[in-house]
Amino acid sequence: MTSRRTQKAAEAIREVVSMAILAELKDPRVRDVTVTYVEVSSDMRHAKVHVSVMGDETRQNLSLRGLHSAAGFLQAKVARQIELRYTPRLKFVLDQGVKRSIEVAQILDEMKDEVRMAKNQ
């Protein structure tokens, strides 16, 4: 169970990291990245940053590598903007939720078309 404190820290980290990626990160590998949510460990020393990347698998892996190399810069931004006893070590993880929801929507559309065709026959 996450405490209110860790939830607030996770939301603050999400805001700082997403704004830094959007406005300050100059790495050309990191494009079309959205921070979906952040998980903070109970001791607040580690934060798992879930990101969604538009594009194919190669594009996603390239952006993820760019984020891993920029982790120090982003941790420094978190340390400057959020007052915490320890600056959490950032780990970036690819969030497949958006991709899966698009796939489900496509499957549902196909099924809807099949039902329409069956009714018309």
N, C-alpha and C. Protein backbone atom coordinates (compact mmCIF):
# COMPACT_ATOMS: atom_id res chain seq x y z
N MET A 1 0.85 -1.18 0.00
CA MET A 1 0.00 0.00 0.00
C MET A 1 0.89 1.24 0.00
N THR A 2 0.61 2.15 -0.91
CA THR A 2 1.42 3.35 -0.98
C THR A 2 0.83 4.42 -0.06
N SER A 3 1.71 5.14 0.57
CA SER A 3 1.26 6.19 1.48
C SER A 3 0.96 7.46 0.69
N ARG A 4 0.29 8.35 1.34
CA ARG A 4 -0.03 9.63 0.71
C ARG A 4 1.25 10.39 0.37
N ARG A 5 2.24 10.26 1.22
CA ARG A 5 3.52 10.94 1.01
C ARG A 5 4.21 10.45 -0.26
N THR A 6 4.25 9.14 -0.46
CA THR A 6 4.90 8.61 -1.66
C THR A 6 4.09 8.95 -2.91
N GLN A 7 2.78 8.99 -2.79
CA GLN A 7 1.95 9.38 -3.94
C GLN A 7 2.20 10.83 -4.35
N LYS A 8 2.31 11.70 -3.35
CA LYS A 8 2.59 13.11 -3.65
C LYS A 8 3.98 13.27 -4.27
N ALA A 9 4.95 12.53 -3.75
CA ALA A 9 6.30 12.58 -4.31
C ALA A 9 6.30 12.05 -5.74
N ALA A 10 5.58 10.97 -5.99
CA ALA A 10 5.51 10.40 -7.33
C ALA A 10 4.91 11.39 -8.32
N GLU A 11 3.86 12.07 -7.93
CA GLU A 11 3.23 13.05 -8.81
C GLU A 11 4.16 14.24 -9.07
N ALA A 12 4.86 14.70 -8.04
CA ALA A 12 5.80 15.81 -8.21
C ALA A 12 6.95 15.40 -9.14
N ILE A 13 7.45 14.20 -8.96
CA ILE A 13 8.54 13.71 -9.82
C ILE A 13 8.05 13.60 -11.26
N ARG A 14 6.82 13.10 -11.45
CA ARG A 14 6.26 12.99 -12.80
C ARG A 14 6.20 14.35 -13.49
N GLU A 15 5.76 15.36 -12.76
CA GLU A 15 5.67 16.70 -13.33
C GLU A 15 7.04 17.25 -13.71
N VAL A 16 8.01 17.13 -12.80
CA VAL A 16 9.35 17.67 -13.05
C VAL A 16 10.01 16.95 -14.22
N VAL A 17 9.94 15.62 -14.23
CA VAL A 17 10.60 14.85 -15.28
C VAL A 17 9.94 15.10 -16.63
N SER A 18 8.61 15.12 -16.67
CA SER A 18 7.94 15.33 -17.96
C SER A 18 8.22 16.72 -18.51
N MET A 19 8.25 17.73 -17.67
CA MET A 19 8.56 19.08 -18.15
C MET A 19 10.01 19.18 -18.62
N ALA A 20 10.92 18.53 -17.91
CA ALA A 20 12.32 18.56 -18.31
C ALA A 20 12.53 17.83 -19.64
N ILE A 21 11.85 16.71 -19.83
CA ILE A 21 11.96 15.99 -21.11
C ILE A 21 11.41 16.86 -22.23
N LEU A 22 10.30 17.49 -21.99
CA LEU A 22 9.65 18.30 -23.01
C LEU A 22 10.44 19.56 -23.36
N ALA A 23 10.93 20.26 -22.36
CA ALA A 23 11.50 21.59 -22.59
C ALA A 23 13.02 21.66 -22.58
N GLU A 24 13.69 20.79 -21.86
CA GLU A 24 15.12 20.99 -21.66
C GLU A 24 16.02 19.90 -22.22
N LEU A 25 15.49 18.72 -22.43
CA LEU A 25 16.32 17.62 -22.91
C LEU A 25 16.61 17.80 -24.39
N LYS A 26 17.88 17.83 -24.74
CA LYS A 26 18.29 18.09 -26.12
C LYS A 26 18.70 16.84 -26.88
N ASP A 27 18.59 15.68 -26.26
CA ASP A 27 18.98 14.43 -26.90
C ASP A 27 18.03 14.13 -28.05
N PRO A 28 18.55 14.00 -29.29
CA PRO A 28 17.66 13.76 -30.43
C PRO A 28 16.99 12.38 -30.40
N ARG A 29 17.50 11.48 -29.59
CA ARG A 29 16.88 10.15 -29.48
C ARG A 29 15.56 10.21 -28.72
N VAL A 30 15.43 11.19 -27.86
CA VAL A 30 14.24 11.28 -27.00
C VAL A 30 13.22 12.20 -27.65
N ARG A 31 12.28 11.58 -28.37
CA ARG A 31 11.20 12.32 -29.02
C ARG A 31 9.90 11.58 -28.81
N ASP A 32 8.82 12.33 -28.80
CA ASP A 32 7.47 11.75 -28.66
C ASP A 32 7.34 10.89 -27.41
N VAL A 33 7.90 11.37 -26.30
CA VAL A 33 7.88 10.64 -25.03
C VAL A 33 6.87 11.30 -24.10
N THR A 34 6.04 10.48 -23.48
CA THR A 34 5.08 10.95 -22.48
C THR A 34 5.30 10.16 -21.19
N VAL A 35 5.45 10.88 -20.09
CA VAL A 35 5.56 10.22 -18.79
C VAL A 35 4.14 9.90 -18.34
N THR A 36 3.82 8.61 -18.24
CA THR A 36 2.45 8.22 -17.88
C THR A 36 2.24 8.22 -16.38
N TYR A 37 3.17 7.62 -15.64
CA TYR A 37 3.09 7.66 -14.18
C TYR A 37 4.43 7.27 -13.58
N VAL A 38 4.57 7.50 -12.28
CA VAL A 38 5.81 7.22 -11.56
C VAL A 38 5.47 6.39 -10.33
N GLU A 39 6.28 5.37 -10.08
CA GLU A 39 6.17 4.58 -8.85
C GLU A 39 7.38 4.90 -7.99
N VAL A 40 7.14 5.25 -6.73
CA VAL A 40 8.23 5.56 -5.80
C VAL A 40 8.27 4.46 -4.74
N SER A 41 9.48 3.99 -4.44
CA SER A 41 9.61 2.96 -3.41
C SER A 41 9.25 3.54 -2.05
N SER A 42 8.96 2.66 -1.10
CA SER A 42 8.52 3.12 0.22
C SER A 42 9.59 3.93 0.95
N ASP A 43 10.88 3.63 0.69
CA ASP A 43 11.94 4.41 1.33
C ASP A 43 12.29 5.67 0.53
N MET A 44 11.62 5.88 -0.59
CA MET A 44 11.77 7.06 -1.45
C MET A 44 13.17 7.19 -2.05
N ARG A 45 13.88 6.10 -2.18
CA ARG A 45 15.21 6.15 -2.77
C ARG A 45 15.23 5.73 -4.24
N HIS A 46 14.14 5.15 -4.70
CA HIS A 46 14.05 4.69 -6.09
C HIS A 46 12.71 5.12 -6.68
N ALA A 47 12.75 5.52 -7.94
CA ALA A 47 11.52 5.88 -8.64
C ALA A 47 11.54 5.23 -10.02
N LYS A 48 10.47 4.53 -10.31
CA LYS A 48 10.32 3.89 -11.61
C LYS A 48 9.42 4.79 -12.45
N VAL A 49 9.99 5.36 -13.51
CA VAL A 49 9.28 6.31 -14.35
C VAL A 49 8.76 5.55 -15.58
N HIS A 50 7.44 5.45 -15.69
CA HIS A 50 6.82 4.75 -16.81
C HIS A 50 6.57 5.75 -17.92
N VAL A 51 7.10 5.43 -19.11
CA VAL A 51 6.97 6.33 -20.25
C VAL A 51 6.31 5.61 -21.42
N SER A 52 5.58 6.38 -22.19
CA SER A 52 4.98 5.89 -23.43
C SER A 52 5.68 6.61 -24.58
N VAL A 53 6.09 5.85 -25.58
CA VAL A 53 6.80 6.42 -26.73
C VAL A 53 6.02 6.08 -27.99
N MET A 54 5.68 7.11 -28.76
CA MET A 54 4.99 6.89 -30.03
C MET A 54 6.00 6.39 -31.04
N GLY A 55 5.61 5.38 -31.81
CA GLY A 55 6.49 4.85 -32.84
C GLY A 55 6.66 3.36 -32.72
N ASP A 56 7.49 2.82 -33.60
CA ASP A 56 7.71 1.38 -33.60
C ASP A 56 8.66 0.98 -32.48
N GLU A 57 8.93 -0.31 -32.40
CA GLU A 57 9.75 -0.84 -31.31
C GLU A 57 11.17 -0.28 -31.33
N THR A 58 11.74 -0.10 -32.52
CA THR A 58 13.09 0.47 -32.63
C THR A 58 13.12 1.89 -32.08
N ARG A 59 12.12 2.67 -32.43
CA ARG A 59 12.00 4.06 -31.95
C ARG A 59 11.85 4.09 -30.42
N GLN A 60 11.07 3.15 -29.89
CA GLN A 60 10.86 3.09 -28.45
C GLN A 60 12.15 2.75 -27.72
N ASN A 61 12.88 1.76 -28.23
CA ASN A 61 14.14 1.38 -27.59
C ASN A 61 15.17 2.49 -27.66
N LEU A 62 15.21 3.21 -28.77
CA LEU A 62 16.14 4.32 -28.93
C LEU A 62 15.83 5.43 -27.91
N SER A 63 14.55 5.75 -27.76
CA SER A 63 14.15 6.77 -26.80
C SER A 63 14.45 6.33 -25.37
N LEU A 64 14.25 5.05 -25.09
CA LEU A 64 14.52 4.53 -23.76
C LEU A 64 16.01 4.61 -23.44
N ARG A 65 16.86 4.31 -24.42
CA ARG A 65 18.31 4.44 -24.20
C ARG A 65 18.70 5.89 -23.98
N GLY A 66 18.09 6.81 -24.71
CA GLY A 66 18.34 8.23 -24.50
C GLY A 66 17.94 8.68 -23.11
N LEU A 67 16.82 8.17 -22.62
CA LEU A 67 16.37 8.52 -21.27
C LEU A 67 17.31 7.95 -20.22
N HIS A 68 17.79 6.72 -20.43
CA HIS A 68 18.74 6.13 -19.48
C HIS A 68 20.02 6.96 -19.41
N SER A 69 20.47 7.46 -20.55
CA SER A 69 21.70 8.27 -20.51
C SER A 69 21.45 9.65 -19.92
N ALA A 70 20.22 10.13 -19.96
CA ALA A 70 19.89 11.44 -19.38
C ALA A 70 19.40 11.34 -17.94
N ALA A 71 19.43 10.14 -17.36
CA ALA A 71 18.90 9.94 -16.01
C ALA A 71 19.58 10.85 -14.99
N GLY A 72 20.88 11.02 -15.07
CA GLY A 72 21.59 11.89 -14.13
C GLY A 72 21.12 13.33 -14.20
N PHE A 73 20.97 13.83 -15.43
CA PHE A 73 20.47 15.19 -15.62
C PHE A 73 19.08 15.34 -15.03
N LEU A 74 18.22 14.36 -15.29
CA LEU A 74 16.84 14.43 -14.79
C LEU A 74 16.78 14.29 -13.27
N GLN A 75 17.65 13.46 -12.70
CA GLN A 75 17.72 13.34 -11.24
C GLN A 75 18.14 14.67 -10.62
N ALA A 76 19.08 15.35 -11.25
CA ALA A 76 19.52 16.65 -10.75
C ALA A 76 18.37 17.66 -10.78
N LYS A 77 17.54 17.60 -11.83
CA LYS A 77 16.38 18.49 -11.91
C LYS A 77 15.41 18.20 -10.77
N VAL A 78 15.19 16.92 -10.49
CA VAL A 78 14.30 16.53 -9.39
C VAL A 78 14.87 17.03 -8.07
N ALA A 79 16.18 16.87 -7.87
CA ALA A 79 16.82 17.30 -6.62
C ALA A 79 16.68 18.81 -6.41
N ARG A 80 16.80 19.59 -7.48
CA ARG A 80 16.69 21.04 -7.35
C ARG A 80 15.27 21.52 -7.11
N GLN A 81 14.28 20.83 -7.68
CA GLN A 81 12.92 21.35 -7.65
C GLN A 81 12.02 20.75 -6.57
N ILE A 82 12.42 19.59 -6.03
CA ILE A 82 11.59 18.94 -5.01
C ILE A 82 12.44 18.73 -3.76
N GLU A 83 11.92 19.15 -2.62
CA GLU A 83 12.66 18.97 -1.38
C GLU A 83 12.37 17.59 -0.79
N LEU A 84 13.33 16.70 -0.94
CA LEU A 84 13.24 15.37 -0.39
C LEU A 84 14.53 15.08 0.37
N ARG A 85 14.45 14.19 1.33
CA ARG A 85 15.65 13.83 2.07
C ARG A 85 16.67 13.17 1.14
N TYR A 86 16.18 12.27 0.31
CA TYR A 86 17.03 11.59 -0.67
C TYR A 86 16.45 11.84 -2.06
N THR A 87 17.34 12.06 -3.00
CA THR A 87 16.88 12.17 -4.38
C THR A 87 16.74 10.76 -4.92
N PRO A 88 15.54 10.39 -5.37
CA PRO A 88 15.35 9.03 -5.85
C PRO A 88 16.15 8.75 -7.12
N ARG A 89 16.65 7.56 -7.21
CA ARG A 89 17.35 7.10 -8.41
C ARG A 89 16.28 6.75 -9.44
N LEU A 90 16.36 7.37 -10.62
CA LEU A 90 15.33 7.19 -11.64
C LEU A 90 15.63 5.99 -12.53
N LYS A 91 14.61 5.18 -12.74
CA LYS A 91 14.70 4.06 -13.67
C LYS A 91 13.55 4.21 -14.65
N PHE A 92 13.84 4.16 -15.94
CA PHE A 92 12.82 4.36 -16.96
C PHE A 92 12.34 3.02 -17.50
N VAL A 93 11.01 2.89 -17.58
CA VAL A 93 10.38 1.66 -18.02
C VAL A 93 9.36 2.01 -19.09
N LEU A 94 9.32 1.21 -20.14
CA LEU A 94 8.37 1.44 -21.23
C LEU A 94 6.98 0.99 -20.81
N ASP A 95 6.02 1.88 -20.91
CA ASP A 95 4.63 1.60 -20.56
C ASP A 95 3.90 1.16 -21.82
N GLN A 96 3.45 -0.08 -21.84
CA GLN A 96 2.77 -0.63 -23.01
C GLN A 96 1.26 -0.44 -22.96
N GLY A 97 0.76 0.23 -21.95
CA GLY A 97 -0.68 0.39 -21.78
C GLY A 97 -1.35 1.10 -22.93
N VAL A 98 -0.75 2.17 -23.43
CA VAL A 98 -1.34 2.92 -24.53
C VAL A 98 -1.37 2.06 -25.79
N LYS A 99 -0.28 1.37 -26.04
CA LYS A 99 -0.20 0.50 -27.22
C LYS A 99 -1.27 -0.59 -27.14
N ARG A 100 -1.41 -1.19 -25.98
CA ARG A 100 -2.41 -2.25 -25.81
C ARG A 100 -3.83 -1.73 -25.98
N SER A 101 -4.09 -0.53 -25.48
CA SER A 101 -5.45 0.02 -25.61
C SER A 101 -5.77 0.32 -27.08
N ILE A 102 -4.79 0.74 -27.85
CA ILE A 102 -5.00 0.97 -29.29
C ILE A 102 -5.29 -0.35 -29.98
N GLU A 103 -4.54 -1.39 -29.63
CA GLU A 103 -4.76 -2.71 -30.23
C GLU A 103 -6.15 -3.23 -29.90
N VAL A 104 -6.59 -3.07 -28.65
CA VAL A 104 -7.92 -3.52 -28.25
C VAL A 104 -8.99 -2.74 -29.02
N ALA A 105 -8.80 -1.44 -29.18
CA ALA A 105 -9.77 -0.62 -29.93
C ALA A 105 -9.86 -1.09 -31.38
N GLN A 106 -8.72 -1.44 -31.98
CA GLN A 106 -8.74 -1.93 -33.36
C GLN A 106 -9.49 -3.26 -33.46
N ILE A 107 -9.25 -4.15 -32.51
CA ILE A 107 -9.94 -5.44 -32.50
C ILE A 107 -11.45 -5.25 -32.35
N LEU A 108 -11.85 -4.33 -31.46
CA LEU A 108 -13.27 -4.06 -31.26
C LEU A 108 -13.91 -3.48 -32.52
N ASP A 109 -13.18 -2.59 -33.22
CA ASP A 109 -13.70 -2.04 -34.47
C ASP A 109 -13.89 -3.13 -35.51
N GLU A 110 -12.93 -4.06 -35.60
CA GLU A 110 -13.05 -5.17 -36.56
C GLU A 110 -14.26 -6.04 -36.22
N MET A 111 -14.45 -6.30 -34.94
CA MET A 111 -15.58 -7.12 -34.51
C MET A 111 -16.90 -6.42 -34.82
N LYS A 112 -16.93 -5.10 -34.62
CA LYS A 112 -18.14 -4.33 -34.90
C LYS A 112 -18.49 -4.40 -36.38
N ASP A 113 -17.47 -4.30 -37.24
CA ASP A 113 -17.69 -4.40 -38.68
C ASP A 113 -18.21 -5.78 -39.06
N GLU A 114 -17.66 -6.83 -38.44
CA GLU A 114 -18.11 -8.19 -38.72
C GLU A 114 -19.56 -8.39 -38.30
N VAL A 115 -19.94 -7.82 -37.16
CA VAL A 115 -21.32 -7.94 -36.70
C VAL A 115 -22.26 -7.21 -37.65
N ARG A 116 -21.87 -6.04 -38.15
CA ARG A 116 -22.68 -5.29 -39.10
C ARG A 116 -22.89 -6.09 -40.39
N MET A 117 -21.79 -6.69 -40.86
CA MET A 117 -21.86 -7.47 -42.09
C MET A 117 -22.76 -8.69 -41.89
N ALA A 118 -22.69 -9.33 -40.75
CA ALA A 118 -23.53 -10.49 -40.47
C ALA A 118 -25.00 -10.13 -40.39
N LYS A 119 -25.30 -8.94 -39.86
CA LYS A 119 -26.69 -8.48 -39.76
C LYS A 119 -27.28 -8.17 -41.15
N ASN A 120 -26.42 -7.67 -42.04
CA ASN A 120 -26.88 -7.29 -43.38
C ASN A 120 -27.11 -8.50 -44.29
N GLN A 121 -26.62 -9.65 -43.93
CA GLN A 121 -26.78 -10.84 -44.76
C GLN A 121 -28.03 -11.56 -44.49
